[in-house]
Amino acid sequence: MTLTTKKYTLLIGIVVLLSNYSLLGFGIGGPLQSSALTEEQKINHLIQYIEKSKVTFIRNGSEYNAIDAAKHLRTKREKAGKRVKTAREFIDYIASKSSMSGEAYKIKFPNGVIMPVRDVLYYELKKLESGKVGFKPKYLLNPITAISLAC
């Protein structure tokens, strides 16, 4: 392979890499920014986070599985309607405590650790807004570099 062919192959490799990143919501600026997410999408993500986790939801002294907890949060969200507009309002006014007793909701993790739901959801929201959650294809875990494409 001549030097010109190697440069051309390297250039094609870089273009392919950038194309793959763009198709996945990645661009030169990095992962798809959370500013592209609506507040409703953020709220839905937080509910799904609870629903798909292997935690026990503690509400008013009783324990519920994650699926029932998510159903409860969706019901409260629907009842709140347009009064709750942001993910932070959702956490503070719906997902953090009982509207009947005022008692804070808690999450018990499989390892036995119990934390306030508010803290857990704010942490997940912070990850969401920083772009640290989301879809990561397997081949991005061991990304193909432009140099490996050129050789």
Protein backbone atom coordinates (compact mmCIF):
# COMPACT_ATOMS: atom_id res chain seq x y z
CA MET A 1 0.00 0.00 0.00
CA THR A 2 1.36 3.41 -0.91
CA LEU A 3 1.43 6.34 1.47
CA THR A 4 -1.38 8.04 -0.49
CA THR A 5 -3.55 4.91 -0.27
CA LYS A 6 -2.94 4.69 3.49
CA LYS A 7 -3.93 8.35 3.94
CA TYR A 8 -7.06 7.78 1.84
CA THR A 9 -7.95 4.65 3.85
CA LEU A 10 -7.40 6.55 7.10
CA LEU A 11 -9.66 9.37 5.89
CA ILE A 12 -12.40 6.88 4.95
CA GLY A 13 -12.06 5.25 8.38
CA ILE A 14 -12.56 8.58 10.11
CA VAL A 15 -15.61 9.37 7.97
CA VAL A 16 -17.13 5.95 8.74
CA LEU A 17 -16.53 6.44 12.46
CA LEU A 18 -18.14 9.88 12.47
CA SER A 19 -21.07 8.58 10.42
CA ASN A 20 -21.68 5.76 12.89
CA TYR A 21 -21.57 8.18 15.81
CA SER A 22 -23.97 10.56 14.06
CA LEU A 23 -26.45 7.77 13.34
CA LEU A 24 -26.49 6.87 17.02
CA GLY A 25 -27.20 10.41 18.19
CA PHE A 26 -23.54 11.20 18.66
CA GLY A 27 -21.84 14.01 16.86
CA ILE A 28 -18.54 15.77 17.07
CA GLY A 29 -19.85 17.55 20.18
CA GLY A 30 -20.33 14.26 22.06
CA PRO A 31 -23.38 12.29 23.15
CA LEU A 32 -26.86 13.52 22.43
CA GLN A 33 -27.33 16.24 25.01
CA SER A 34 -30.16 16.02 27.50
CA SER A 35 -31.28 19.47 26.43
CA ALA A 36 -32.87 17.59 23.55
CA LEU A 37 -35.03 15.73 26.08
CA THR A 38 -38.31 17.24 27.10
CA GLU A 39 -39.26 17.41 30.76
CA GLU A 40 -41.93 14.78 30.05
CA GLN A 41 -39.26 12.45 28.65
CA LYS A 42 -37.14 12.99 31.75
CA ILE A 43 -40.10 12.19 34.01
CA ASN A 44 -40.86 9.05 32.00
CA HIS A 45 -37.22 8.01 32.26
CA LEU A 46 -37.29 8.39 36.05
CA ILE A 47 -40.44 6.26 36.34
CA GLN A 48 -38.95 3.63 34.04
CA TYR A 49 -35.76 3.69 36.09
CA ILE A 50 -37.78 2.68 39.15
CA GLU A 51 -39.85 0.16 37.18
CA LYS A 52 -36.86 -1.67 35.69
CA SER A 53 -34.79 -1.73 38.86
CA LYS A 54 -34.68 -4.60 41.31
CA VAL A 55 -35.63 -2.50 44.30
CA THR A 56 -38.35 -2.54 46.90
CA PHE A 57 -40.38 0.64 47.16
CA ILE A 58 -41.37 1.59 50.71
CA ARG A 59 -44.49 3.72 50.97
CA ASN A 60 -46.29 4.49 54.24
CA GLY A 61 -44.51 1.58 55.94
CA SER A 62 -45.49 -1.02 53.32
CA GLU A 63 -43.22 -2.59 50.73
CA TYR A 64 -44.05 -2.75 47.01
CA ASN A 65 -42.23 -4.18 44.04
CA ALA A 66 -40.77 -1.87 41.40
CA ILE A 67 -43.60 -2.42 38.90
CA ASP A 68 -46.29 -1.50 41.43
CA ALA A 69 -44.22 1.51 42.50
CA ALA A 70 -44.04 2.73 38.90
CA LYS A 71 -47.81 2.30 38.50
CA HIS A 72 -48.35 4.35 41.65
CA LEU A 73 -46.05 7.13 40.42
CA ARG A 74 -47.77 7.19 37.02
CA THR A 75 -51.18 7.48 38.70
CA LYS A 76 -49.98 10.36 40.89
CA ARG A 77 -48.42 12.01 37.83
CA GLU A 78 -51.70 11.78 35.90
CA LYS A 79 -53.66 13.24 38.82
CA ALA A 80 -51.22 16.14 39.10
CA GLY A 81 -51.75 17.02 35.45
CA LYS A 82 -50.21 20.27 34.29
CA ARG A 83 -49.40 21.42 37.82
CA VAL A 84 -46.14 19.47 37.59
CA LYS A 85 -44.13 20.61 34.60
CA THR A 86 -40.52 19.63 35.24
CA ALA A 87 -38.64 16.52 36.30
CA ARG A 88 -37.53 18.32 39.46
CA GLU A 89 -41.13 19.19 40.33
CA PHE A 90 -42.05 15.56 39.68
CA ILE A 91 -39.38 14.40 42.13
CA ASP A 92 -40.21 17.01 44.78
CA TYR A 93 -44.01 16.96 44.65
CA ILE A 94 -44.92 13.46 43.45
CA ALA A 95 -42.15 10.90 43.80
CA SER A 96 -40.61 11.86 47.15
CA LYS A 97 -43.37 11.47 49.69
CA SER A 98 -46.91 10.39 50.38
CA SER A 99 -49.46 13.10 49.76
CA MET A 100 -51.67 11.49 52.42
CA SER A 101 -49.24 10.96 55.31
CA GLY A 102 -46.38 13.24 54.28
CA GLU A 103 -43.99 10.35 54.95
CA ALA A 104 -40.95 10.15 52.66
CA TYR A 105 -40.84 7.30 50.15
CA LYS A 106 -37.81 5.04 50.40
CA ILE A 107 -36.10 2.51 48.17
CA LYS A 108 -34.53 -0.67 49.49
CA PHE A 109 -31.82 -2.04 47.23
CA PRO A 110 -31.08 -5.78 46.90
CA ASN A 111 -28.03 -5.35 49.15
CA GLY A 112 -30.30 -4.05 51.96
CA VAL A 113 -29.37 -0.36 51.71
CA ILE A 114 -32.37 1.94 52.15
CA MET A 115 -32.36 5.45 50.71
CA PRO A 116 -34.92 8.21 50.19
CA VAL A 117 -36.46 8.02 46.72
CA ARG A 118 -35.80 11.74 46.33
CA ASP A 119 -32.03 11.24 46.60
CA VAL A 120 -32.02 8.29 44.21
CA LEU A 121 -34.10 10.08 41.57
CA TYR A 122 -32.08 13.29 41.77
CA TYR A 123 -28.93 11.25 41.25
CA GLU A 124 -30.48 9.51 38.22
CA LEU A 125 -31.68 12.86 36.84
CA LYS A 126 -28.17 14.26 37.20
CA LYS A 127 -26.79 11.30 35.23
CA LEU A 128 -29.50 11.74 32.59
CA GLU A 129 -28.80 15.43 32.16
CA SER A 130 -25.06 14.86 31.94
CA GLY A 131 -25.55 12.27 29.19
CA LYS A 132 -24.19 9.37 31.27
CA VAL A 133 -27.20 7.12 30.70
CA GLY A 134 -28.70 5.74 27.57
CA PHE A 135 -28.05 3.33 24.75
CA LYS A 136 -24.45 2.20 24.24
CA PRO A 137 -23.98 -0.28 21.41
CA LYS A 138 -21.62 -3.18 22.13
CA TYR A 139 -19.13 -2.12 19.49
CA LEU A 140 -18.70 1.27 21.16
CA LEU A 141 -17.45 -0.49 24.27
CA ASN A 142 -14.42 -1.55 22.16
CA PRO A 143 -14.55 1.16 19.51
CA ILE A 144 -12.96 0.65 16.13
CA THR A 145 -10.43 3.35 15.65
CA ALA A 146 -9.66 5.03 12.38
CA ILE A 147 -6.11 3.71 12.62
CA SER A 148 -7.30 0.09 12.94
CA LEU A 149 -9.47 0.62 9.86
CA ALA A 150 -6.50 1.94 7.92
CA CYS A 151 -4.27 -1.06 8.62
